[in-house]
PDB file of N, CA and C in Angstrom:
ATOM      1  N   MET A   1       0.899  -1.153  -0.019  1.00  0.00           N
ATOM      2  CA  MET A   1       0.056  -0.107   0.032  1.00  0.00           C
ATOM      3  C   MET A   1       0.957   1.058  -0.067  1.00  0.00           C
ATOM      4  N   ALA A   2       0.525   2.262  -0.720  1.00  0.00           N
ATOM      5  CA  ALA A   2       1.127   3.592  -0.835  1.00  0.00           C
ATOM      6  C   ALA A   2       0.802   4.263   0.509  1.00  0.00           C
ATOM      7  N   THR A   3       1.686   5.186   0.861  1.00  0.00           N
ATOM      8  CA  THR A   3       1.464   6.179   2.105  1.00  0.00           C
ATOM      9  C   THR A   3       1.346   7.608   1.366  1.00  0.00           C
ATOM     10  N   LEU A   4       0.501   8.288   1.927  1.00  0.00           N
ATOM     11  CA  LEU A   4       0.344   9.753   1.351  1.00  0.00           C
ATOM     12  C   LEU A   4       0.348  10.750   2.669  1.00  0.00           C
ATOM     13  N   SER A   5       1.276  11.732   2.431  1.00  0.00           N
ATOM     14  CA  SER A   5       1.203  12.787   3.567  1.00  0.00           C
ATOM     15  C   SER A   5       0.573  13.910   3.173  1.00  0.00           C
ATOM     16  N   LEU A   6      -0.403  14.526   3.886  1.00  0.00           N
ATOM     17  CA  LEU A   6      -0.959  15.631   3.423  1.00  0.00           C
ATOM     18  C   LEU A   6      -0.341  16.836   4.377  1.00  0.00           C
ATOM     19  N   LYS A   7      -0.108  18.019   3.734  1.00  0.00           N
ATOM     20  CA  LYS A   7       0.542  19.292   4.346  1.00  0.00           C
ATOM     21  C   LYS A   7      -0.473  20.410   4.279  1.00  0.00           C
ATOM     22  N   ASN A   8      -0.383  21.508   5.282  1.00  0.00           N
ATOM     23  CA  ASN A   8      -0.906  22.657   5.248  1.00  0.00           C
ATOM     24  C   ASN A   8      -2.684  22.254   5.317  1.00  0.00           C
ATOM     25  N   VAL A   9      -2.841  21.194   5.789  1.00  0.00           N
ATOM     26  CA  VAL A   9      -4.397  20.975   6.002  1.00  0.00           C
ATOM     27  C   VAL A   9      -5.141  22.085   6.891  1.00  0.00           C
ATOM     28  N   PRO A  10      -6.077  22.899   6.349  1.00  0.00           N
ATOM     29  CA  PRO A  10      -6.539  23.863   7.001  1.00  0.00           C
ATOM     30  C   PRO A  10      -7.331  23.712   8.437  1.00  0.00           C
ATOM     31  N   ASP A  11      -7.181  24.154   9.381  1.00  0.00           N
ATOM     32  CA  ASP A  11      -7.537  23.675  10.722  1.00  0.00           C
ATOM     33  C   ASP A  11      -8.941  23.382  10.853  1.00  0.00           C
ATOM     34  N   LYS A  12      -9.866  24.063  10.190  1.00  0.00           N
ATOM     35  CA  LYS A  12     -11.159  23.839  10.193  1.00  0.00           C
ATOM     36  C   LYS A  12     -11.596  22.574   9.459  1.00  0.00           C
ATOM     37  N   LEU A  13     -10.757  22.362   8.456  1.00  0.00           N
ATOM     38  CA  LEU A  13     -10.942  21.062   7.490  1.00  0.00           C
ATOM     39  C   LEU A  13     -10.698  19.708   8.560  1.00  0.00           C
ATOM     40  N   TYR A  14      -9.448  19.921   9.024  1.00  0.00           N
ATOM     41  CA  TYR A  14      -8.876  18.900   9.919  1.00  0.00           C
ATOM     42  C   TYR A  14     -10.044  18.563  11.058  1.00  0.00           C
ATOM     43  N   GLU A  15     -10.580  19.618  11.745  1.00  0.00           N
ATOM     44  CA  GLU A  15     -11.560  19.554  12.798  1.00  0.00           C
ATOM     45  C   GLU A  15     -12.771  18.852  12.360  1.00  0.00           C
ATOM     46  N   ARG A  16     -13.126  19.195  11.234  1.00  0.00           N
ATOM     47  CA  ARG A  16     -14.419  18.495  10.479  1.00  0.00           C
ATOM     48  C   ARG A  16     -14.186  16.925  10.338  1.00  0.00           C
ATOM     49  N   LEU A  17     -12.757  16.791   9.780  1.00  0.00           N
ATOM     50  CA  LEU A  17     -12.320  15.215   9.411  1.00  0.00           C
ATOM     51  C   LEU A  17     -12.310  14.501  10.719  1.00  0.00           C
ATOM     52  N   LYS A  18     -11.805  15.263  11.926  1.00  0.00           N
ATOM     53  CA  LYS A  18     -11.712  14.514  13.261  1.00  0.00           C
ATOM     54  C   LYS A  18     -13.234  14.257  13.838  1.00  0.00           C
ATOM     55  N   LYS A  19     -14.096  15.131  13.662  1.00  0.00           N
ATOM     56  CA  LYS A  19     -15.448  15.020  14.166  1.00  0.00           C
ATOM     57  C   LYS A  19     -15.911  13.806  13.320  1.00  0.00           C
ATOM     58  N   SER A  20     -15.936  13.914  11.992  1.00  0.00           N
ATOM     59  CA  SER A  20     -16.664  12.778  11.293  1.00  0.00           C
ATOM     60  C   SER A  20     -15.885  11.477  11.585  1.00  0.00           C
ATOM     61  N   ALA A  21     -14.718  11.448  12.042  1.00  0.00           N
ATOM     62  CA  ALA A  21     -14.106  10.066  12.185  1.00  0.00           C
ATOM     63  C   ALA A  21     -14.590   9.578  13.580  1.00  0.00           C
ATOM     64  N   ALA A  22     -14.880  10.490  14.562  1.00  0.00           N
ATOM     65  CA  ALA A  22     -15.126  10.022  15.709  1.00  0.00           C
ATOM     66  C   ALA A  22     -17.025   9.562  15.601  1.00  0.00           C
ATOM     67  N   GLU A  23     -17.371  10.169  14.860  1.00  0.00           N
ATOM     68  CA  GLU A  23     -18.735   9.943  14.457  1.00  0.00           C
ATOM     69  C   GLU A  23     -19.089   8.579  13.917  1.00  0.00           C
ATOM     70  N   ASN A  24     -18.206   8.291  12.971  1.00  0.00           N
ATOM     71  CA  ASN A  24     -17.954   6.846  12.404  1.00  0.00           C
ATOM     72  C   ASN A  24     -17.237   5.809  13.007  1.00  0.00           C
ATOM     73  N   HIS A  25     -16.808   6.297  14.097  1.00  0.00           N
ATOM     74  CA  HIS A  25     -15.997   5.168  14.802  1.00  0.00           C
ATOM     75  C   HIS A  25     -14.743   4.814  14.158  1.00  0.00           C
ATOM     76  N   ARG A  26     -14.028   5.702  13.546  1.00  0.00           N
ATOM     77  CA  ARG A  26     -12.938   5.521  12.616  1.00  0.00           C
ATOM     78  C   ARG A  26     -11.876   6.384  13.201  1.00  0.00           C
ATOM     79  N   SER A  27     -10.420   5.975  12.682  1.00  0.00           N
ATOM     80  CA  SER A  27      -9.397   6.679  13.130  1.00  0.00           C
ATOM     81  C   SER A  27      -9.376   8.041  11.821  1.00  0.00           C
ATOM     82  N   ILE A  28      -8.513   9.008  12.434  1.00  0.00           N
ATOM     83  CA  ILE A  28      -8.559   9.870  11.283  1.00  0.00           C
ATOM     84  C   ILE A  28      -8.071   9.663  10.032  1.00  0.00           C
ATOM     85  N   ASN A  29      -6.983   8.633   9.935  1.00  0.00           N
ATOM     86  CA  ASN A  29      -6.473   8.119   8.819  1.00  0.00           C
ATOM     87  C   ASN A  29      -7.652   7.400   7.894  1.00  0.00           C
ATOM     88  N   ARG A  30      -8.248   6.459   8.681  1.00  0.00           N
ATOM     89  CA  ARG A  30      -9.283   5.840   8.110  1.00  0.00           C
ATOM     90  C   ARG A  30     -10.526   6.551   7.444  1.00  0.00           C
ATOM     91  N   GLU A  31     -10.793   7.479   8.214  1.00  0.00           N
ATOM     92  CA  GLU A  31     -11.725   8.602   7.540  1.00  0.00           C
ATOM     93  C   GLU A  31     -11.365   9.244   6.317  1.00  0.00           C
ATOM     94  N   ALA A  32     -10.075   9.699   6.434  1.00  0.00           N
ATOM     95  CA  ALA A  32      -9.694  10.381   5.245  1.00  0.00           C
ATOM     96  C   ALA A  32      -9.551   9.324   3.870  1.00  0.00           C
ATOM     97  N   ILE A  33      -9.191   8.258   4.152  1.00  0.00           N
ATOM     98  CA  ILE A  33      -9.369   7.283   3.278  1.00  0.00           C
ATOM     99  C   ILE A  33     -10.774   6.862   2.759  1.00  0.00           C
ATOM    100  N   ALA A  34     -11.736   6.814   3.772  1.00  0.00           N
ATOM    101  CA  ALA A  34     -13.080   6.562   3.234  1.00  0.00           C
ATOM    102  C   ALA A  34     -13.560   7.874   2.509  1.00  0.00           C
ATOM    103  N   CYS A  35     -13.317   9.074   3.011  1.00  0.00           N
ATOM    104  CA  CYS A  35     -13.611  10.224   1.962  1.00  0.00           C
ATOM    105  C   CYS A  35     -12.980  10.038   0.726  1.00  0.00           C
ATOM    106  N   LEU A  36     -11.760   9.682   0.577  1.00  0.00           N
ATOM    107  CA  LEU A  36     -11.044   9.685  -0.967  1.00  0.00           C
ATOM    108  C   LEU A  36     -11.789   8.545  -1.653  1.00  0.00           C
ATOM    109  N   GLU A  37     -11.944   7.518  -1.183  1.00  0.00           N
ATOM    110  CA  GLU A  37     -12.878   6.421  -1.749  1.00  0.00           C
ATOM    111  C   GLU A  37     -14.036   6.881  -2.137  1.00  0.00           C
ATOM    112  N   GLN A  38     -14.863   7.622  -1.397  1.00  0.00           N
ATOM    113  CA  GLN A  38     -16.113   7.880  -1.726  1.00  0.00           C
ATOM    114  C   GLN A  38     -16.210   8.930  -2.825  1.00  0.00           C
ATOM    115  N   THR A  39     -15.028   9.775  -2.745  1.00  0.00           N
ATOM    116  CA  THR A  39     -14.958  11.036  -3.882  1.00  0.00           C
ATOM    117  C   THR A  39     -14.357  10.509  -5.088  1.00  0.00           C
ATOM    118  N   VAL A  40     -13.040   9.938  -4.945  1.00  0.00           N
ATOM    119  CA  VAL A  40     -12.236   9.746  -6.279  1.00  0.00           C
ATOM    120  C   VAL A  40     -12.682   8.453  -6.546  1.00  0.00           C
ATOM    121  N   GLY A  41     -13.047   7.576  -5.895  1.00  0.00           N
ATOM    122  CA  GLY A  41     -13.360   6.063  -6.091  1.00  0.00           C
ATOM    123  C   GLY A  41     -14.550   5.760  -7.061  1.00  0.00           C
ATOM    124  N   ARG A  42     -15.307   6.882  -7.169  1.00  0.00           N
ATOM    125  CA  ARG A  42     -16.633   6.598  -8.066  1.00  0.00           C
ATOM    126  C   ARG A  42     -16.237   6.703  -9.442  1.00  0.00           C
ATOM    127  N   GLN A  43     -16.864   5.828 -10.112  1.00  0.00           N
ATOM    128  CA  GLN A  43     -17.005   5.755 -11.552  1.00  0.00           C
ATOM    129  C   GLN A  43     -17.722   6.682 -12.383  1.00  0.00           C
ATOM    130  N   ARG A  44     -17.441   7.269 -13.256  1.00  0.00           N
ATOM    131  CA  ARG A  44     -18.198   8.208 -14.017  1.00  0.00           C
ATOM    132  C   ARG A  44     -18.957   7.469 -14.889  1.00  0.00           C
ATOM    133  N   ARG A  45     -20.221   7.481 -15.055  1.00  0.00           N
ATOM    134  CA  ARG A  45     -21.186   6.832 -15.851  1.00  0.00           C
ATOM    135  C   ARG A  45     -21.247   7.629 -17.301  1.00  0.00           C
ATOM    136  N   ASP A  46     -21.357   6.850 -18.325  1.00  0.00           N
ATOM    137  CA  ASP A  46     -21.516   7.389 -19.651  1.00  0.00           C
ATOM    138  C   ASP A  46     -22.749   7.876 -19.794  1.00  0.00           C
ATOM    139  N   PRO A  47     -23.026   9.129 -20.118  1.00  0.00           N
ATOM    140  CA  PRO A  47     -24.284   9.896 -20.310  1.00  0.00           C
ATOM    141  C   PRO A  47     -25.042   9.080 -21.328  1.00  0.00           C
ATOM    142  N   ALA A  48     -24.633   8.681 -22.459  1.00  0.00           N
ATOM    143  CA  ALA A  48     -25.203   8.187 -23.481  1.00  0.00           C
ATOM    144  C   ALA A  48     -26.027   6.574 -22.760  1.00  0.00           C
ATOM    145  N   ALA A  49     -25.061   5.855 -22.011  1.00  0.00           N
ATOM    146  CA  ALA A  49     -25.745   4.592 -21.435  1.00  0.00           C
ATOM    147  C   ALA A  49     -26.899   5.030 -20.607  1.00  0.00           C
ATOM    148  N   VAL A  50     -26.497   5.995 -19.820  1.00  0.00           N
ATOM    149  CA  VAL A  50     -27.509   6.351 -18.680  1.00  0.00           C
ATOM    150  C   VAL A  50     -28.949   6.678 -19.697  1.00  0.00           C
ATOM    151  N   LEU A  51     -28.770   7.481 -20.375  1.00  0.00           N
ATOM    152  CA  LEU A  51     -29.921   7.876 -21.404  1.00  0.00           C
ATOM    153  C   LEU A  51     -30.638   6.641 -21.998  1.00  0.00           C
ATOM    154  N   GLU A  52     -29.725   5.803 -22.347  1.00  0.00           N
ATOM    155  CA  GLU A  52     -30.230   4.613 -23.181  1.00  0.00           C
ATOM    156  C   GLU A  52     -31.136   3.682 -21.946  1.00  0.00           C
ATOM    157  N   GLU A  53     -30.534   3.668 -20.840  1.00  0.00           N
ATOM    158  CA  GLU A  53     -31.336   2.955 -19.606  1.00  0.00           C
ATOM    159  C   GLU A  53     -32.563   3.597 -19.318  1.00  0.00           C
ATOM    160  N   LEU A  54     -32.654   4.914 -19.355  1.00  0.00           N
ATOM    161  CA  LEU A  54     -33.916   5.755 -19.146  1.00  0.00           C
ATOM    162  C   LEU A  54     -34.962   5.687 -20.294  1.00  0.00           C
ATOM    163  N   ARG A  55     -34.472   5.380 -21.460  1.00  0.00           N
ATOM    164  CA  ARG A  55     -35.234   5.270 -22.588  1.00  0.00           C
ATOM    165  C   ARG A  55     -35.942   3.775 -22.454  1.00  0.00           C
ATOM    166  N   ALA A  56     -34.985   2.675 -22.194  1.00  0.00           N
ATOM    167  CA  ALA A  56     -35.489   1.517 -22.109  1.00  0.00           C
ATOM    168  C   ALA A  56     -36.747   1.435 -20.793  1.00  0.00           C
ATOM    169  N   PHE A  57     -36.307   2.095 -19.860  1.00  0.00           N
ATOM    170  CA  PHE A  57     -37.397   2.098 -18.770  1.00  0.00           C
ATOM    171  C   PHE A  57     -38.688   2.578 -19.076  1.00  0.00           C
ATOM    172  N   ARG A  58     -38.581   3.560 -20.008  1.00  0.00           N
ATOM    173  CA  ARG A  58     -39.997   4.215 -20.734  1.00  0.00           C
ATOM    174  C   ARG A  58     -40.574   3.311 -21.577  1.00  0.00           C
ATOM    175  N   ARG A  59     -39.756   2.504 -22.282  1.00  0.00           N
ATOM    176  CA  ARG A  59     -40.407   1.546 -23.309  1.00  0.00           C
ATOM    177  C   ARG A  59     -41.055   0.599 -22.356  1.00  0.00           C
ATOM    178  N   THR A  60     -40.644   0.004 -21.282  1.00  0.00           N
ATOM    179  CA  THR A  60     -41.321  -0.974 -20.468  1.00  0.00           C
ATOM    180  C   THR A  60     -42.790  -0.511 -19.932  1.00  0.00           C
ATOM    181  N   LEU A  61     -42.795   0.834 -19.514  1.00  0.00           N
ATOM    182  CA  LEU A  61     -44.161   1.461 -19.323  1.00  0.00           C
ATOM    183  C   LEU A  61     -44.919   1.526 -20.539  1.00  0.00           C
ATOM    184  N   GLY A  62     -44.891   1.605 -21.444  1.00  0.00           N
ATOM    185  CA  GLY A  62     -45.781   1.680 -22.555  1.00  0.00           C
ATOM    186  C   GLY A  62     -46.188   3.137 -22.880  1.00  0.00           C
ATOM    187  N   ARG A  63     -45.463   4.077 -22.418  1.00  0.00           N
ATOM    188  CA  ARG A  63     -45.748   5.485 -22.484  1.00  0.00           C
ATOM    189  C   ARG A  63     -44.464   6.343 -22.410  1.00  0.00           C
ATOM    190  N   ILE A  64     -44.496   7.520 -22.732  1.00  0.00           N
ATOM    191  CA  ILE A  64     -43.544   8.359 -22.800  1.00  0.00           C
ATOM    192  C   ILE A  64     -43.170   8.925 -21.636  1.00  0.00           C
ATOM    193  N   TYR A  65     -43.767   9.050 -20.678  1.00  0.00           N
ATOM    194  CA  TYR A  65     -43.776   9.991 -19.441  1.00  0.00           C
ATOM    195  C   TYR A  65     -43.651   8.895 -18.293  1.00  0.00           C
ATOM    196  N   VAL A  66     -42.890   9.384 -17.278  1.00  0.00           N
ATOM    197  CA  VAL A  66     -42.797   8.556 -15.968  1.00  0.00           C
ATOM    198  C   VAL A  66     -43.454   9.211 -15.029  1.00  0.00           C
ATOM    199  N   THR A  67     -43.981   8.617 -13.974  1.00  0.00           N
ATOM    200  CA  THR A  67     -44.728   9.315 -13.005  1.00  0.00           C
ATOM    201  C   THR A  67     -44.138   9.172 -11.842  1.00  0.00           C
ATOM    202  N   ASP A  68     -44.142   9.676 -10.626  1.00  0.00           N
ATOM    203  CA  ASP A  68     -43.775   9.665  -9.548  1.00  0.00           C
ATOM    204  C   ASP A  68     -43.788   8.223  -9.013  1.00  0.00           C
ATOM    205  N   GLN A  69     -45.048   7.811  -8.947  1.00  0.00           N
ATOM    206  CA  GLN A  69     -45.279   6.381  -8.792  1.00  0.00           C
ATOM    207  C   GLN A  69     -44.278   5.413  -9.327  1.00  0.00           C
ATOM    208  N   ASP A  70     -44.022   5.666 -10.664  1.00  0.00           N
ATOM    209  CA  ASP A  70     -43.231   4.669 -11.504  1.00  0.00           C
ATOM    210  C   ASP A  70     -41.815   4.889 -10.801  1.00  0.00           C
ATOM    211  N   LEU A  71     -41.347   6.079 -10.573  1.00  0.00           N
ATOM    212  CA  LEU A  71     -40.151   6.092 -10.015  1.00  0.00           C
ATOM    213  C   LEU A  71     -39.909   5.635  -8.694  1.00  0.00           C
ATOM    214  N   ASP A  72     -41.092   5.653  -7.922  1.00  0.00           N
ATOM    215  CA  ASP A  72     -41.048   4.973  -6.441  1.00  0.00           C
ATOM    216  C   ASP A  72     -40.791   3.390  -6.609  1.00  0.00           C
ATOM    217  N   ALA A  73     -41.788   2.862  -7.599  1.00  0.00           N
ATOM    218  CA  ALA A  73     -41.742   1.332  -7.667  1.00  0.00           C
ATOM    219  C   ALA A  73     -40.426   0.941  -8.168  1.00  0.00           C
ATOM    220  N   ALA A  74     -39.774   1.882  -9.061  1.00  0.00           N
ATOM    221  CA  ALA A  74     -38.186   1.154  -9.614  1.00  0.00           C
ATOM    222  C   ALA A  74     -37.311   1.384  -8.656  1.00  0.00           C
ATOM    223  N   LYS A  75     -37.370   2.563  -7.751  1.00  0.00           N
ATOM    224  CA  LYS A  75     -36.488   2.435  -6.482  1.00  0.00           C
ATOM    225  C   LYS A  75     -36.678   1.350  -5.402  1.00  0.00           C
ATOM    226  N   ARG A  76     -37.979   0.680  -5.257  1.00  0.00           N
ATOM    227  CA  ARG A  76     -38.114  -0.271  -4.265  1.00  0.00           C
ATOM    228  C   ARG A  76     -37.949  -1.561  -5.077  1.00  0.00           C
ATOM    229  N   GLU A  77     -37.681  -1.892  -6.129  1.00  0.00           N
ATOM    230  CA  GLU A  77     -37.665  -3.137  -6.922  1.00  0.00           C
ATOM    231  C   GLU A  77     -36.449  -3.603  -6.549  1.00  0.00           C
ATOM    232  N   GLY A  78     -36.471  -4.858  -6.004  1.00  0.00           N
ATOM    233  CA  GLY A  78     -35.315  -5.541  -5.614  1.00  0.00           C
ATOM    234  C   GLY A  78     -34.744  -5.252  -4.149  1.00  0.00           C
ATOM    235  N   ARG A  79     -35.537  -4.426  -3.420  1.00  0.00           N
ATOM    236  CA  ARG A  79     -35.183  -4.177  -2.068  1.00  0.00           C
ATOM    237  C   ARG A  79     -35.639  -4.889  -1.044  1.00  0.00           C
ATOM    238  N   LEU A  80     -36.690  -5.853  -1.544  1.00  0.00           N
ATOM    239  CA  LEU A  80     -37.470  -6.571  -0.215  1.00  0.00           C
ATOM    240  C   LEU A  80     -36.593  -7.626   0.196  1.00  0.00           C
TER     241      LEU A  80
END
């Protein structure tokens, strides 16, 4: 594993990181890694692929618009 040293971390940012680490029962180092993973580790989705997924979803509904109920049902799908 690589080692990363941060210099000149603003005091307010350090205090926020320290507070967040305590709230999540982590060390400051582990909290910093978790923050980096959450931010940098995200995979950017291809906008064209997302648009195609939405269009395919619309086709399953048999209409061109999506209601709030449709979205709620899609969110709940597979969560049981």
